[in-house]
Amino acid sequence: MLFHGNTIKLDFQFDWRHEKRRSDYRTISLAELYDCGKGDLRFAVAGCDFGTRWGWVSAIQCALHLMELTDDLACSKGVQVFEFMEITDVIRFERLLRSVRVTASYAPGEAIVPLWDLVIAIRKFSKRVVRVASRDRNGLLENPYISKLMSAPTAPARWSDVIPGELVN
């Protein structure tokens, strides 16, 4: 079933019970960052539910990789794939000029949404996840991986930042 629309709901339900706490998060590795806040991705696009109900998805992995994925998607035609750690399930994003087709290996349906809406939703989501994860985690915002994510603008300044020139014409 194919759904068109611009409704994107993106959030994260944290489950802090299994987190291994550290005294300082400034210099921990990317792999260690992935242990900071696990839970479930809440992701609905144009009526299709691509959320997880596994309880162990990494919030930081979602924030970092989805942000990187949309940056790559905004700069080129083609397909970008978000891979969950520890399993083979994926969310697939296919660029269709100014829109994106979203599908998931673990959920039925496909949705098409404007690229601009997806980019903004993921950037806002990523920053919100980091703000929540940084509460009571000394130095997390100073970690190089996190500070790079937090310094990115919430939205590109104009369409030409999202759509390469040869695709606009």
C-alpha atoms as a PDB file:
ATOM      1  CA  MET A   1       0.000   0.000   0.000  1.00  0.00           C
ATOM      2  CA  LEU A   2       1.371   3.427  -0.984  1.00  0.00           C
ATOM      3  CA  PHE A   3       0.668   6.578   1.020  1.00  0.00           C
ATOM      4  CA  HIS A   4       1.442  10.120  -0.097  1.00  0.00           C
ATOM      5  CA  GLY A   5       1.613  13.013   2.312  1.00  0.00           C
ATOM      6  CA  ASN A   6       3.795  15.228   4.393  1.00  0.00           C
ATOM      7  CA  THR A   7       2.898  13.997   7.859  1.00  0.00           C
ATOM      8  CA  ILE A   8       6.019  12.789   9.659  1.00  0.00           C
ATOM      9  CA  LYS A   9       5.932  11.757  13.308  1.00  0.00           C
ATOM     10  CA  LEU A  10       9.370  11.038  14.679  1.00  0.00           C
ATOM     11  CA  ASP A  11      10.189  10.486  18.334  1.00  0.00           C
ATOM     12  CA  PHE A  12      12.037   8.144  20.657  1.00  0.00           C
ATOM     13  CA  GLN A  13      10.773   6.278  23.708  1.00  0.00           C
ATOM     14  CA  PHE A  14      13.709   5.873  26.080  1.00  0.00           C
ATOM     15  CA  ASP A  15      14.205   2.912  28.379  1.00  0.00           C
ATOM     16  CA  TRP A  16      17.009   3.804  30.818  1.00  0.00           C
ATOM     17  CA  ARG A  17      16.919   0.551  32.826  1.00  0.00           C
ATOM     18  CA  HIS A  18      19.792  -1.174  31.035  1.00  0.00           C
ATOM     19  CA  GLU A  19      22.174   1.731  30.542  1.00  0.00           C
ATOM     20  CA  LYS A  20      25.712   1.396  31.854  1.00  0.00           C
ATOM     21  CA  ARG A  21      26.340   4.846  33.397  1.00  0.00           C
ATOM     22  CA  ARG A  22      29.701   6.590  33.114  1.00  0.00           C
ATOM     23  CA  SER A  23      31.198   9.438  35.117  1.00  0.00           C
ATOM     24  CA  ASP A  24      32.197  11.454  32.019  1.00  0.00           C
ATOM     25  CA  TYR A  25      30.958  11.245  28.438  1.00  0.00           C
ATOM     26  CA  ARG A  26      33.349  13.748  26.803  1.00  0.00           C
ATOM     27  CA  THR A  27      35.812  11.239  25.380  1.00  0.00           C
ATOM     28  CA  ILE A  28      33.855   8.003  25.065  1.00  0.00           C
ATOM     29  CA  SER A  29      33.931   6.222  21.708  1.00  0.00           C
ATOM     30  CA  LEU A  30      31.139   6.085  19.187  1.00  0.00           C
ATOM     31  CA  ALA A  31      30.405   2.483  20.172  1.00  0.00           C
ATOM     32  CA  GLU A  32      30.084   3.543  23.814  1.00  0.00           C
ATOM     33  CA  LEU A  33      27.801   6.427  22.808  1.00  0.00           C
ATOM     34  CA  TYR A  34      25.426   3.903  21.295  1.00  0.00           C
ATOM     35  CA  ASP A  35      24.785   2.585  24.811  1.00  0.00           C
ATOM     36  CA  CYS A  36      23.501   5.988  26.007  1.00  0.00           C
ATOM     37  CA  GLY A  37      19.767   5.553  26.008  1.00  0.00           C
ATOM     38  CA  LYS A  38      18.089   2.669  24.304  1.00  0.00           C
ATOM     39  CA  GLY A  39      14.433   2.103  23.645  1.00  0.00           C
ATOM     40  CA  ASP A  40      12.153   2.354  20.635  1.00  0.00           C
ATOM     41  CA  LEU A  41      12.054   4.557  17.568  1.00  0.00           C
ATOM     42  CA  ARG A  42       8.619   6.061  16.952  1.00  0.00           C
ATOM     43  CA  PHE A  43       8.474   6.764  13.212  1.00  0.00           C
ATOM     44  CA  ALA A  44       5.292   7.225  11.212  1.00  0.00           C
ATOM     45  CA  VAL A  45       5.317   8.650   7.705  1.00  0.00           C
ATOM     46  CA  ALA A  46       2.141   9.568   5.815  1.00  0.00           C
ATOM     47  CA  GLY A  47       0.124   6.928   7.677  1.00  0.00           C
ATOM     48  CA  CYS A  48       2.728   4.141   7.564  1.00  0.00           C
ATOM     49  CA  ASP A  49       4.145   2.972  10.889  1.00  0.00           C
ATOM     50  CA  PHE A  50       7.887   2.311  10.675  1.00  0.00           C
ATOM     51  CA  GLY A  51       8.391   2.416  14.448  1.00  0.00           C
ATOM     52  CA  THR A  52      10.162  -0.275  16.429  1.00  0.00           C
ATOM     53  CA  ARG A  53       8.899  -2.228  19.391  1.00  0.00           C
ATOM     54  CA  TRP A  54      12.099  -4.026  20.268  1.00  0.00           C
ATOM     55  CA  GLY A  55      13.185  -2.014  23.311  1.00  0.00           C
ATOM     56  CA  TRP A  56      16.919  -1.997  22.516  1.00  0.00           C
ATOM     57  CA  VAL A  57      17.323   0.485  19.647  1.00  0.00           C
ATOM     58  CA  SER A  58      20.119   3.021  20.267  1.00  0.00           C
ATOM     59  CA  ALA A  59      18.830   6.610  20.492  1.00  0.00           C
ATOM     60  CA  ILE A  60      22.239   8.074  19.678  1.00  0.00           C
ATOM     61  CA  GLN A  61      22.686   5.746  16.693  1.00  0.00           C
ATOM     62  CA  CYS A  62      19.301   6.879  15.361  1.00  0.00           C
ATOM     63  CA  ALA A  63      20.163  10.548  15.883  1.00  0.00           C
ATOM     64  CA  LEU A  64      23.621  10.401  14.310  1.00  0.00           C
ATOM     65  CA  HIS A  65      22.922   8.050  11.435  1.00  0.00           C
ATOM     66  CA  LEU A  66      19.560   9.471  10.399  1.00  0.00           C
ATOM     67  CA  MET A  67      21.086  12.962  10.320  1.00  0.00           C
ATOM     68  CA  GLU A  68      24.003  11.733   8.203  1.00  0.00           C
ATOM     69  CA  LEU A  69      21.637   9.776   5.967  1.00  0.00           C
ATOM     70  CA  THR A  70      19.427  12.799   5.211  1.00  0.00           C
ATOM     71  CA  ASP A  71      22.486  14.953   4.504  1.00  0.00           C
ATOM     72  CA  ASP A  72      23.606  12.351   1.949  1.00  0.00           C
ATOM     73  CA  LEU A  73      20.078  11.991   0.562  1.00  0.00           C
ATOM     74  CA  ALA A  74      19.719  15.752   0.148  1.00  0.00           C
ATOM     75  CA  CYS A  75      22.903  15.916  -1.937  1.00  0.00           C
ATOM     76  CA  SER A  76      22.229  13.099  -4.382  1.00  0.00           C
ATOM     77  CA  LYS A  77      19.716  10.945  -6.168  1.00  0.00           C
ATOM     78  CA  GLY A  78      19.538   7.336  -5.133  1.00  0.00           C
ATOM     79  CA  VAL A  79      18.917   5.262  -2.050  1.00  0.00           C
ATOM     80  CA  GLN A  80      20.137   5.571   1.535  1.00  0.00           C
ATOM     81  CA  VAL A  81      19.626   2.752   4.037  1.00  0.00           C
ATOM     82  CA  PHE A  82      19.427   3.014   7.824  1.00  0.00           C
ATOM     83  CA  GLU A  83      20.660  -0.237   9.363  1.00  0.00           C
ATOM     84  CA  PHE A  84      19.772  -1.160  12.913  1.00  0.00           C
ATOM     85  CA  MET A  85      22.564  -2.568  15.042  1.00  0.00           C
ATOM     86  CA  GLU A  86      22.433  -6.239  15.952  1.00  0.00           C
ATOM     87  CA  ILE A  87      19.811  -7.242  13.346  1.00  0.00           C
ATOM     88  CA  THR A  88      19.388  -7.125   9.585  1.00  0.00           C
ATOM     89  CA  ASP A  89      16.265  -4.923   9.511  1.00  0.00           C
ATOM     90  CA  VAL A  90      16.522  -1.594   7.688  1.00  0.00           C
ATOM     91  CA  ILE A  91      14.637   1.557   6.801  1.00  0.00           C
ATOM     92  CA  ARG A  92      15.119   2.467   3.144  1.00  0.00           C
ATOM     93  CA  PHE A  93      14.960   6.054   1.829  1.00  0.00           C
ATOM     94  CA  GLU A  94      14.768   6.510  -1.945  1.00  0.00           C
ATOM     95  CA  ARG A  95      15.207   9.998  -3.387  1.00  0.00           C
ATOM     96  CA  LEU A  96      12.558  10.946  -5.969  1.00  0.00           C
ATOM     97  CA  LEU A  97      13.635  14.458  -7.037  1.00  0.00           C
ATOM     98  CA  ARG A  98      11.924  16.605  -4.338  1.00  0.00           C
ATOM     99  CA  SER A  99      10.328  13.688  -2.507  1.00  0.00           C
ATOM    100  CA  VAL A 100      11.487  10.578  -0.671  1.00  0.00           C
ATOM    101  CA  ARG A 101       9.972   7.099  -0.692  1.00  0.00           C
ATOM    102  CA  VAL A 102      10.261   5.431   2.722  1.00  0.00           C
ATOM    103  CA  THR A 103       9.992   1.670   3.280  1.00  0.00           C
ATOM    104  CA  ALA A 104      11.107  -0.710   6.021  1.00  0.00           C
ATOM    105  CA  SER A 105      12.048  -4.380   5.906  1.00  0.00           C
ATOM    106  CA  TYR A 106      10.088  -5.046   9.111  1.00  0.00           C
ATOM    107  CA  ALA A 107       6.873  -3.117   8.374  1.00  0.00           C
ATOM    108  CA  PRO A 108       4.353  -3.146   5.521  1.00  0.00           C
ATOM    109  CA  GLY A 109       3.685  -0.199   3.246  1.00  0.00           C
ATOM    110  CA  GLU A 110       5.593   2.597   1.636  1.00  0.00           C
ATOM    111  CA  ALA A 111       5.186   6.330   1.986  1.00  0.00           C
ATOM    112  CA  ILE A 112       6.246   9.306  -0.100  1.00  0.00           C
ATOM    113  CA  VAL A 113       6.968  12.624   1.615  1.00  0.00           C
ATOM    114  CA  PRO A 114       8.649  15.867   0.606  1.00  0.00           C
ATOM    115  CA  LEU A 115      12.429  15.732   1.022  1.00  0.00           C
ATOM    116  CA  TRP A 116      12.455  19.097   2.809  1.00  0.00           C
ATOM    117  CA  ASP A 117       9.952  17.846   5.424  1.00  0.00           C
ATOM    118  CA  LEU A 118      11.997  14.699   6.056  1.00  0.00           C
ATOM    119  CA  VAL A 119      15.263  16.626   6.416  1.00  0.00           C
ATOM    120  CA  ILE A 120      13.771  19.070   8.918  1.00  0.00           C
ATOM    121  CA  ALA A 121      11.944  16.351  10.901  1.00  0.00           C
ATOM    122  CA  ILE A 122      15.099  14.246  11.249  1.00  0.00           C
ATOM    123  CA  ARG A 123      17.300  17.204  12.224  1.00  0.00           C
ATOM    124  CA  LYS A 124      14.826  18.300  14.907  1.00  0.00           C
ATOM    125  CA  PHE A 125      14.459  14.713  16.127  1.00  0.00           C
ATOM    126  CA  SER A 126      18.226  14.196  16.331  1.00  0.00           C
ATOM    127  CA  LYS A 127      18.791  17.324  18.392  1.00  0.00           C
ATOM    128  CA  ARG A 128      15.858  16.502  20.693  1.00  0.00           C
ATOM    129  CA  VAL A 129      17.220  12.974  21.295  1.00  0.00           C
ATOM    130  CA  VAL A 130      20.626  14.383  22.239  1.00  0.00           C
ATOM    131  CA  ARG A 131      19.114  17.000  24.572  1.00  0.00           C
ATOM    132  CA  VAL A 132      17.160  14.292  26.416  1.00  0.00           C
ATOM    133  CA  ALA A 133      20.123  11.877  26.485  1.00  0.00           C
ATOM    134  CA  SER A 134      22.454  14.613  27.804  1.00  0.00           C
ATOM    135  CA  ARG A 135      20.451  15.156  30.980  1.00  0.00           C
ATOM    136  CA  ASP A 136      22.506  13.844  33.900  1.00  0.00           C
ATOM    137  CA  ARG A 137      25.292  12.691  31.561  1.00  0.00           C
ATOM    138  CA  ASN A 138      28.336  14.825  32.354  1.00  0.00           C
ATOM    139  CA  GLY A 139      30.135  16.044  29.229  1.00  0.00           C
ATOM    140  CA  LEU A 140      27.888  14.376  26.636  1.00  0.00           C
ATOM    141  CA  LEU A 141      27.325  17.644  24.761  1.00  0.00           C
ATOM    142  CA  GLU A 142      31.115  18.166  24.577  1.00  0.00           C
ATOM    143  CA  ASN A 143      31.697  14.769  22.971  1.00  0.00           C
ATOM    144  CA  PRO A 144      33.022  15.406  19.417  1.00  0.00           C
ATOM    145  CA  TYR A 145      30.371  13.219  17.750  1.00  0.00           C
ATOM    146  CA  ILE A 146      27.565  14.948  19.628  1.00  0.00           C
ATOM    147  CA  SER A 147      28.892  18.506  19.295  1.00  0.00           C
ATOM    148  CA  LYS A 148      29.089  18.048  15.506  1.00  0.00           C
ATOM    149  CA  LEU A 149      25.464  16.920  15.393  1.00  0.00           C
ATOM    150  CA  MET A 150      24.293  19.750  17.644  1.00  0.00           C
ATOM    151  CA  SER A 151      26.123  22.419  15.615  1.00  0.00           C
ATOM    152  CA  ALA A 152      24.322  21.509  12.372  1.00  0.00           C
ATOM    153  CA  PRO A 153      21.518  23.887  11.389  1.00  0.00           C
ATOM    154  CA  THR A 154      17.984  22.621  11.940  1.00  0.00           C
ATOM    155  CA  ALA A 155      17.153  23.271   8.296  1.00  0.00           C
ATOM    156  CA  PRO A 156      19.125  24.143   5.193  1.00  0.00           C
ATOM    157  CA  ALA A 157      18.868  27.840   4.356  1.00  0.00           C
ATOM    158  CA  ARG A 158      17.223  27.328   0.964  1.00  0.00           C
ATOM    159  CA  TRP A 159      16.126  24.641  -1.493  1.00  0.00           C
ATOM    160  CA  SER A 160      19.385  24.866  -3.413  1.00  0.00           C
ATOM    161  CA  ASP A 161      21.073  23.502  -0.275  1.00  0.00           C
ATOM    162  CA  VAL A 162      18.831  20.442  -0.488  1.00  0.00           C
ATOM    163  CA  ILE A 163      18.377  19.982  -4.239  1.00  0.00           C
ATOM    164  CA  PRO A 164      21.505  19.836  -6.408  1.00  0.00           C
ATOM    165  CA  GLY A 165      21.391  22.276  -9.335  1.00  0.00           C
ATOM    166  CA  GLU A 166      21.064  19.618 -12.019  1.00  0.00           C
ATOM    167  CA  LEU A 167      17.914  18.279 -10.342  1.00  0.00           C
ATOM    168  CA  VAL A 168      16.238  21.693 -10.003  1.00  0.00           C
ATOM    169  CA  ASN A 169      16.282  22.482 -13.733  1.00  0.00           C
END
